[in-house]
């Protein structure tokens, strides 16, 4: 049944109340100065509205008042608030878009093939979303708490490493990329719905494989996933699981994987540094269905009976000079005929 409420009614419901304040009124009532309020609002991902536009709710006012209270704590300054606001804005923006896509896709599946999505039907999606707001908010808050606990444990573990420097976000990690083979060519043969389904299947399967081994999925890029793990063996198992998945699941695409180990910079949930670049370059070098690792990973895995590691000839990798890749396999796993594991190179 189509919901016939006006857009402003649904907006007020989703926001927890109607808009009633201008930007100037919000700043005066909250006690936060104009420049700070503008920086926080823009960090959340929204343009600052004109001075005379009524655009803010009681919830916005309460949030700014709480931020004002937080700024009274000696451990918190405005730069930290703006940085965290940017993280919240980016994360929540993607989450809201994701949720909308799920609902619209579910609605489209229930429509006759030739019936388009109309504004009324989109309003109905928003109405259903609003009805489920409270249980979803509880789920989101619980998920955030679990992720915070996991992040805290990772941070505590990293401080025990001699090379870790938590004060600047530097810690030793294993970094991995998994890339779908021939994705561009494949995507040209798919319509929009098929392509979206393919990407969703790949991302959800890869994220499950990463989580099962205790890794963390950093981000997904449609045809590629970036993950990290505190231990080299966990990352090795993740990489091998993903590379081998197509042999067990015909719906899963062939991928190639690159892994590197070393000190990385962690910032706003993302990772940077030479190991990240090296893992990306190794992925681009690998043959379909294979896992290439760098010397750091090989050193960390040295002595493990669970893996076979064989060296390839050194080759230049963009921005990194000459690098000697290693092929990673499970111990006792036979090599397929004609498999050289890396583009344009032979084993030594």
Protein backbone atom coordinates (compact mmCIF):
# COMPACT_ATOMS: atom_id res chain seq x y z
CA UNK A 1 0.00 0.00 0.00
CA UNK A 2 1.38 3.39 -1.01
CA UNK A 3 2.03 5.88 1.77
CA UNK A 4 0.38 9.23 0.99
CA UNK A 5 2.12 11.39 3.59
CA UNK A 6 3.82 14.54 2.31
CA UNK A 7 7.62 14.47 1.90
CA UNK A 8 8.04 16.96 4.75
CA UNK A 9 6.01 14.69 7.05
CA UNK A 10 8.26 11.72 6.33
CA UNK A 11 11.35 13.90 6.68
CA UNK A 12 10.18 15.07 10.12
CA UNK A 13 9.47 11.48 11.13
CA UNK A 14 12.90 10.26 10.04
CA UNK A 15 14.66 13.22 11.64
CA UNK A 16 12.75 12.85 14.90
CA UNK A 17 10.90 16.14 14.51
CA UNK A 18 10.16 19.00 12.10
CA UNK A 19 12.73 21.53 10.94
CA UNK A 20 12.28 24.70 12.98
CA UNK A 21 15.61 26.57 13.26
CA UNK A 22 17.77 28.61 10.93
CA UNK A 23 21.53 28.19 11.04
CA UNK A 24 21.94 31.43 12.99
CA UNK A 25 19.30 30.39 15.54
CA UNK A 26 20.96 26.98 15.95
CA UNK A 27 24.35 28.53 16.59
CA UNK A 28 22.93 31.00 19.14
CA UNK A 29 20.94 28.38 21.06
CA UNK A 30 23.77 25.81 21.07
CA UNK A 31 26.51 28.24 22.02
CA UNK A 32 28.82 27.08 19.22
CA UNK A 33 30.30 29.85 17.09
CA UNK A 34 29.50 30.19 13.39
CA UNK A 35 32.84 28.98 12.01
CA UNK A 36 32.91 25.87 14.22
CA UNK A 37 29.30 24.96 13.45
CA UNK A 38 29.94 25.36 9.72
CA UNK A 39 33.04 23.13 9.84
CA UNK A 40 31.18 20.41 11.74
CA UNK A 41 28.18 20.53 9.40
CA UNK A 42 30.38 20.37 6.30
CA UNK A 43 32.45 17.55 7.83
CA UNK A 44 29.21 15.59 8.15
CA UNK A 45 28.84 15.98 4.36
CA UNK A 46 26.21 18.72 4.10
CA UNK A 47 26.44 22.20 2.58
CA UNK A 48 25.82 25.06 5.00
CA UNK A 49 22.32 26.45 4.26
CA UNK A 50 21.65 30.19 3.85
CA UNK A 51 21.31 32.19 7.07
CA UNK A 52 17.53 32.58 6.74
CA UNK A 53 16.64 29.00 5.70
CA UNK A 54 14.77 26.94 8.28
CA UNK A 55 16.69 23.66 8.01
CA UNK A 56 17.46 22.28 11.49
CA UNK A 57 15.57 20.24 14.08
CA UNK A 58 15.56 19.88 17.84
CA UNK A 59 17.79 16.84 17.28
CA UNK A 60 20.38 19.01 15.51
CA UNK A 61 20.27 21.46 18.40
CA UNK A 62 20.73 18.71 20.97
CA UNK A 63 23.66 17.27 19.01
CA UNK A 64 25.45 20.64 18.87
CA UNK A 65 24.85 21.21 22.57
CA UNK A 66 26.41 17.81 23.31
CA UNK A 67 29.38 18.70 21.10
CA UNK A 68 29.72 21.97 23.02
CA UNK A 69 29.80 19.95 26.25
CA UNK A 70 32.38 17.55 24.81
CA UNK A 71 34.64 20.47 23.90
CA UNK A 72 34.86 21.25 27.61
CA UNK A 73 36.82 18.01 28.10
CA UNK A 74 40.60 18.49 28.12
CA UNK A 75 41.08 15.41 25.94
CA UNK A 76 38.87 16.74 23.11
CA UNK A 77 39.43 19.73 20.84
CA UNK A 78 37.65 21.08 17.78
CA UNK A 79 40.04 19.40 15.32
CA UNK A 80 39.19 16.01 16.84
CA UNK A 81 35.44 16.74 16.67
CA UNK A 82 35.69 17.78 13.01
CA UNK A 83 37.75 14.69 12.15
CA UNK A 84 35.28 12.35 13.84
CA UNK A 85 32.36 14.21 12.25
CA UNK A 86 33.90 13.56 8.84
CA UNK A 87 34.24 9.86 9.67
CA UNK A 88 30.61 9.72 10.84
CA UNK A 89 29.39 11.60 7.77
CA UNK A 90 31.17 9.36 5.30
CA UNK A 91 30.19 6.15 7.08
CA UNK A 92 26.56 7.10 7.66
CA UNK A 93 26.22 8.46 4.12
CA UNK A 94 27.28 5.15 2.67
CA UNK A 95 25.11 3.23 5.12
CA UNK A 96 22.03 5.33 4.29
CA UNK A 97 22.63 4.91 0.55
CA UNK A 98 23.14 1.17 1.02
CA UNK A 99 19.93 0.83 3.01
CA UNK A 100 17.99 2.79 0.39
CA UNK A 101 19.36 0.60 -2.38
CA UNK A 102 18.32 -2.55 -0.52
CA UNK A 103 14.78 -1.32 -0.04
CA UNK A 104 14.42 -0.06 -3.61
CA UNK A 105 15.76 -3.33 -4.97
CA UNK A 106 13.32 -5.30 -2.84
CA UNK A 107 10.45 -3.10 -4.04
CA UNK A 108 11.53 -3.43 -7.67
CA UNK A 109 11.54 -7.22 -7.35
CA UNK A 110 7.91 -7.11 -6.27
CA UNK A 111 6.73 -4.92 -9.16
CA UNK A 112 5.57 -6.21 -12.56
CA UNK A 113 8.45 -6.19 -15.08
CA UNK A 114 7.21 -3.14 -17.01
CA UNK A 115 6.11 -1.02 -14.03
CA UNK A 116 8.57 1.78 -13.21
CA UNK A 117 9.40 3.16 -9.81
CA UNK A 118 7.28 6.25 -9.23
CA UNK A 119 7.69 9.04 -6.64
CA UNK A 120 4.77 7.51 -4.70
CA UNK A 121 6.49 4.15 -4.54
CA UNK A 122 9.75 5.74 -3.42
CA UNK A 123 7.80 7.53 -0.68
CA UNK A 124 6.45 4.16 0.36
CA UNK A 125 10.01 2.86 0.70
CA UNK A 126 10.83 5.81 2.96
CA UNK A 127 7.74 5.12 5.03
CA UNK A 128 8.74 1.47 5.54
CA UNK A 129 12.26 2.59 6.44
CA UNK A 130 10.82 4.97 9.04
CA UNK A 131 8.69 2.20 10.54
CA UNK A 132 11.79 0.04 11.02
CA UNK A 133 13.92 2.92 12.30
CA UNK A 134 13.99 1.94 15.98
CA UNK A 135 15.06 -1.72 15.59
CA UNK A 136 17.57 -0.70 12.92
CA UNK A 137 19.02 2.01 15.17
CA UNK A 138 19.43 -0.55 17.95
CA UNK A 139 21.16 -2.91 15.54
CA UNK A 140 23.42 -0.12 14.30
CA UNK A 141 24.35 0.92 17.85
CA UNK A 142 25.07 -2.67 18.85
CA UNK A 143 27.17 -3.18 15.72
CA UNK A 144 29.11 0.00 16.52
CA UNK A 145 29.78 -1.20 20.07
CA UNK A 146 31.02 -4.57 18.84
CA UNK A 147 33.28 -2.89 16.28
CA UNK A 148 34.60 -0.48 18.92
CA UNK A 149 35.42 -3.42 21.19
CA UNK A 150 37.22 -5.19 18.35
CA UNK A 151 39.12 -2.01 17.43
CA UNK A 152 40.14 -1.55 21.06
CA UNK A 153 41.46 -5.09 21.29
CA UNK A 154 43.41 -4.64 18.04
CA UNK A 155 44.92 -1.41 19.37
CA UNK A 156 45.86 -3.09 22.65
CA UNK A 157 47.48 -5.98 20.79
CA UNK A 158 49.42 -3.66 18.48
CA UNK A 159 51.05 -1.83 21.39
CA UNK A 160 52.84 -5.04 22.35
CA UNK A 161 54.69 -5.06 19.03
CA UNK A 162 58.15 -3.49 19.20
CA UNK A 163 57.69 -1.66 15.90
CA UNK A 164 54.18 -0.37 16.64
CA UNK A 165 53.72 3.36 17.24
CA UNK A 166 50.04 3.89 18.17
CA UNK A 167 50.62 7.62 18.83
CA UNK A 168 50.82 8.20 15.07
CA UNK A 169 48.69 5.25 13.96
CA UNK A 170 51.57 3.09 12.69
CA UNK A 171 51.46 -0.66 13.25
CA UNK A 172 52.72 -3.83 11.52
CA UNK A 173 49.93 -5.54 9.59
CA UNK A 174 49.41 -8.00 6.77
CA UNK A 175 47.60 -6.27 3.89
CA UNK A 176 45.76 -8.01 1.08
CA UNK A 177 43.99 -7.13 -2.15
CA UNK A 178 41.69 -9.50 -4.04
CA UNK A 179 40.77 -8.45 -7.56
CA UNK A 180 38.18 -9.93 -9.93
CA UNK A 181 39.78 -11.15 -13.17
CA UNK A 182 38.58 -9.47 -16.41
CA UNK A 183 35.94 -7.45 -14.57
CA UNK A 184 35.77 -4.67 -17.19
CA UNK A 185 35.14 -7.12 -20.02
CA UNK A 186 32.65 -9.03 -17.90
CA UNK A 187 30.73 -5.92 -16.84
CA UNK A 188 30.18 -4.87 -20.47
CA UNK A 189 28.09 -7.99 -21.00
CA UNK A 190 25.82 -7.32 -18.00
CA UNK A 191 22.85 -5.04 -17.56
CA UNK A 192 22.65 -2.83 -14.47
CA UNK A 193 20.70 -5.30 -12.34
CA UNK A 194 22.99 -8.23 -13.18
CA UNK A 195 26.10 -6.16 -12.50
CA UNK A 196 24.77 -4.99 -9.13
CA UNK A 197 23.91 -8.58 -8.18
CA UNK A 198 27.38 -9.77 -9.22
CA UNK A 199 29.15 -7.10 -7.19
CA UNK A 200 26.95 -7.78 -4.15
CA UNK A 201 27.65 -11.52 -4.34
CA UNK A 202 31.40 -10.99 -4.65
CA UNK A 203 31.60 -8.42 -1.85
CA UNK A 204 29.41 -10.37 0.57
CA UNK A 205 31.28 -13.65 -0.03
CA UNK A 206 34.68 -11.98 0.30
CA UNK A 207 33.68 -10.13 3.48
CA UNK A 208 32.49 -13.41 5.02
CA UNK A 209 35.77 -15.15 4.17
CA UNK A 210 37.75 -12.27 5.67
CA UNK A 211 35.70 -12.28 8.87
CA UNK A 212 35.89 -16.07 9.26
CA UNK A 213 39.68 -15.87 9.54
CA UNK A 214 39.67 -12.92 11.95
CA UNK A 215 40.69 -10.29 9.41
CA UNK A 216 39.12 -6.88 8.83
CA UNK A 217 37.60 -5.73 5.56
CA UNK A 218 38.87 -2.19 5.03
CA UNK A 219 36.87 -1.34 1.91
CA UNK A 220 35.30 -2.71 -1.22
CA UNK A 221 35.72 -1.24 -4.69
CA UNK A 222 33.20 -3.24 -6.71
CA UNK A 223 35.69 -5.59 -8.36
CA UNK A 224 38.25 -5.47 -5.58
CA UNK A 225 38.45 -5.80 -1.80
CA UNK A 226 41.13 -4.56 0.57
CA UNK A 227 41.60 -6.38 3.87
CA UNK A 228 44.09 -6.50 6.74
CA UNK A 229 45.01 -8.98 9.45
CA UNK A 230 47.26 -8.69 12.48
CA UNK A 231 48.96 -12.00 11.71
CA UNK A 232 50.56 -13.13 8.47
CA UNK A 233 49.07 -16.63 8.69
CA UNK A 234 45.53 -15.24 9.03
CA UNK A 235 46.07 -13.06 5.96
CA UNK A 236 47.57 -16.00 4.06
CA UNK A 237 44.53 -18.16 4.81
CA UNK A 238 42.18 -15.34 3.78
CA UNK A 239 44.01 -14.85 0.49
CA UNK A 240 44.03 -18.57 -0.28
CA UNK A 241 40.36 -18.94 0.72
CA UNK A 242 39.34 -16.17 -1.67
CA UNK A 243 41.55 -17.41 -4.51
CA UNK A 244 40.20 -20.97 -4.15
CA UNK A 245 36.56 -19.99 -3.68
CA UNK A 246 35.66 -20.21 -7.38
CA UNK A 247 36.60 -23.91 -7.36
CA UNK A 248 33.92 -24.58 -4.73
CA UNK A 249 31.33 -22.00 -5.80
CA UNK A 250 30.70 -21.59 -9.55
CA UNK A 251 28.94 -18.29 -8.84
CA UNK A 252 32.11 -16.80 -7.35
CA UNK A 253 34.44 -15.16 -9.91
CA UNK A 254 38.08 -16.01 -10.50
CA UNK A 255 40.31 -13.62 -8.58
CA UNK A 256 43.95 -12.88 -8.07
CA UNK A 257 45.39 -11.92 -4.70
CA UNK A 258 48.40 -9.94 -3.49
CA UNK A 259 49.65 -9.91 0.11
CA UNK A 260 52.32 -7.82 1.82
CA UNK A 261 53.47 -7.42 5.43
CA UNK A 262 54.96 -4.38 7.11
CA UNK A 263 54.28 -1.12 8.89
CA UNK A 264 51.15 0.67 7.73
CA UNK A 265 49.53 3.95 8.67
CA UNK A 266 45.96 3.58 9.97
CA UNK A 267 43.68 6.62 9.60
CA UNK A 268 39.89 6.92 9.76
CA UNK A 269 39.48 3.20 9.22
CA UNK A 270 41.68 3.16 6.10
CA UNK A 271 45.28 1.99 5.71
CA UNK A 272 48.20 3.55 3.85
CA UNK A 273 51.86 2.88 3.26
CA UNK A 274 54.29 0.78 1.25
CA UNK A 275 52.73 -2.61 2.15
CA UNK A 276 49.37 -1.39 0.81
CA UNK A 277 50.93 -0.24 -2.45
CA UNK A 278 52.97 -3.41 -2.70
CA UNK A 279 49.95 -5.67 -2.17
CA UNK A 280 48.08 -3.77 -4.89
CA UNK A 281 50.97 -4.12 -7.36
CA UNK A 282 51.36 -7.84 -6.60
CA UNK A 283 47.66 -8.34 -7.23
CA UNK A 284 47.96 -6.72 -10.64
CA UNK A 285 50.94 -8.98 -11.39
CA UNK A 286 49.37 -12.27 -10.31
CA UNK A 287 47.75 -14.77 -12.66
CA UNK A 288 44.08 -15.69 -12.13
CA UNK A 289 43.51 -17.94 -9.13
CA UNK A 290 46.92 -17.34 -7.58
CA UNK A 291 48.27 -15.56 -4.51
CA UNK A 292 51.51 -13.57 -4.65
CA UNK A 293 53.26 -12.36 -1.49
CA UNK A 294 56.20 -10.08 -0.73
CA UNK A 295 59.37 -10.82 1.21
CA UNK A 296 57.89 -9.51 4.45
CA UNK A 297 55.04 -12.03 4.29
CA UNK A 298 57.46 -14.81 3.33
CA UNK A 299 59.62 -14.02 6.37
CA UNK A 300 56.63 -14.00 8.71
CA UNK A 301 55.42 -17.36 7.32
CA UNK A 302 58.88 -18.94 7.34
CA UNK A 303 58.87 -22.27 9.11
CA UNK A 304 55.12 -22.85 8.84
CA UNK A 305 54.28 -26.30 7.56
CA UNK A 306 50.90 -25.07 6.32
CA UNK A 307 52.21 -23.32 3.22
CA UNK A 308 54.46 -23.79 0.23
CA UNK A 309 56.30 -20.66 -0.90
CA UNK A 310 58.29 -20.46 -4.12
CA UNK A 311 60.20 -17.46 -5.45
CA UNK A 312 59.79 -15.86 -8.87
CA UNK A 313 62.23 -13.70 -10.79
CA UNK A 314 62.44 -10.08 -9.59
CA UNK A 315 60.52 -7.61 -11.73
CA UNK A 316 59.93 -3.84 -11.62
CA UNK A 317 56.74 -2.73 -9.91
CA UNK A 318 55.53 0.80 -10.50
CA UNK A 319 56.79 3.17 -7.83
CA UNK A 320 58.49 0.38 -5.86
CA UNK A 321 61.53 -0.60 -7.92
CA UNK A 322 62.47 -4.23 -8.50
CA UNK A 323 60.62 -6.67 -6.28
CA UNK A 324 60.85 -10.46 -6.00
CA UNK A 325 57.32 -11.92 -5.67
CA UNK A 326 56.69 -15.27 -4.05
CA UNK A 327 53.90 -17.69 -4.91
CA UNK A 328 51.87 -18.81 -1.91
CA UNK A 329 50.07 -22.17 -1.88
CA UNK A 330 48.75 -24.51 0.74
CA UNK A 331 51.22 -27.25 1.59
CA UNK A 332 50.85 -30.24 -0.70
CA UNK A 333 48.62 -28.44 -3.19
CA UNK A 334 49.67 -29.41 -6.71
CA UNK A 335 50.49 -26.84 -9.37
CA UNK A 336 48.13 -26.74 -12.31
CA UNK A 337 49.72 -27.42 -15.73
CA UNK A 338 50.93 -24.23 -17.33
CA UNK A 339 50.42 -22.21 -14.15
CA UNK A 340 53.29 -19.76 -13.79
CA UNK A 341 51.45 -17.69 -11.16
CA UNK A 342 52.74 -14.30 -12.26
CA UNK A 343 52.55 -12.42 -15.52
CA UNK A 344 55.62 -12.53 -17.68
CA UNK A 345 57.92 -14.41 -15.33
CA UNK A 346 59.34 -17.85 -14.63
CA UNK A 347 60.37 -19.42 -11.37
CA UNK A 348 64.03 -19.44 -10.47
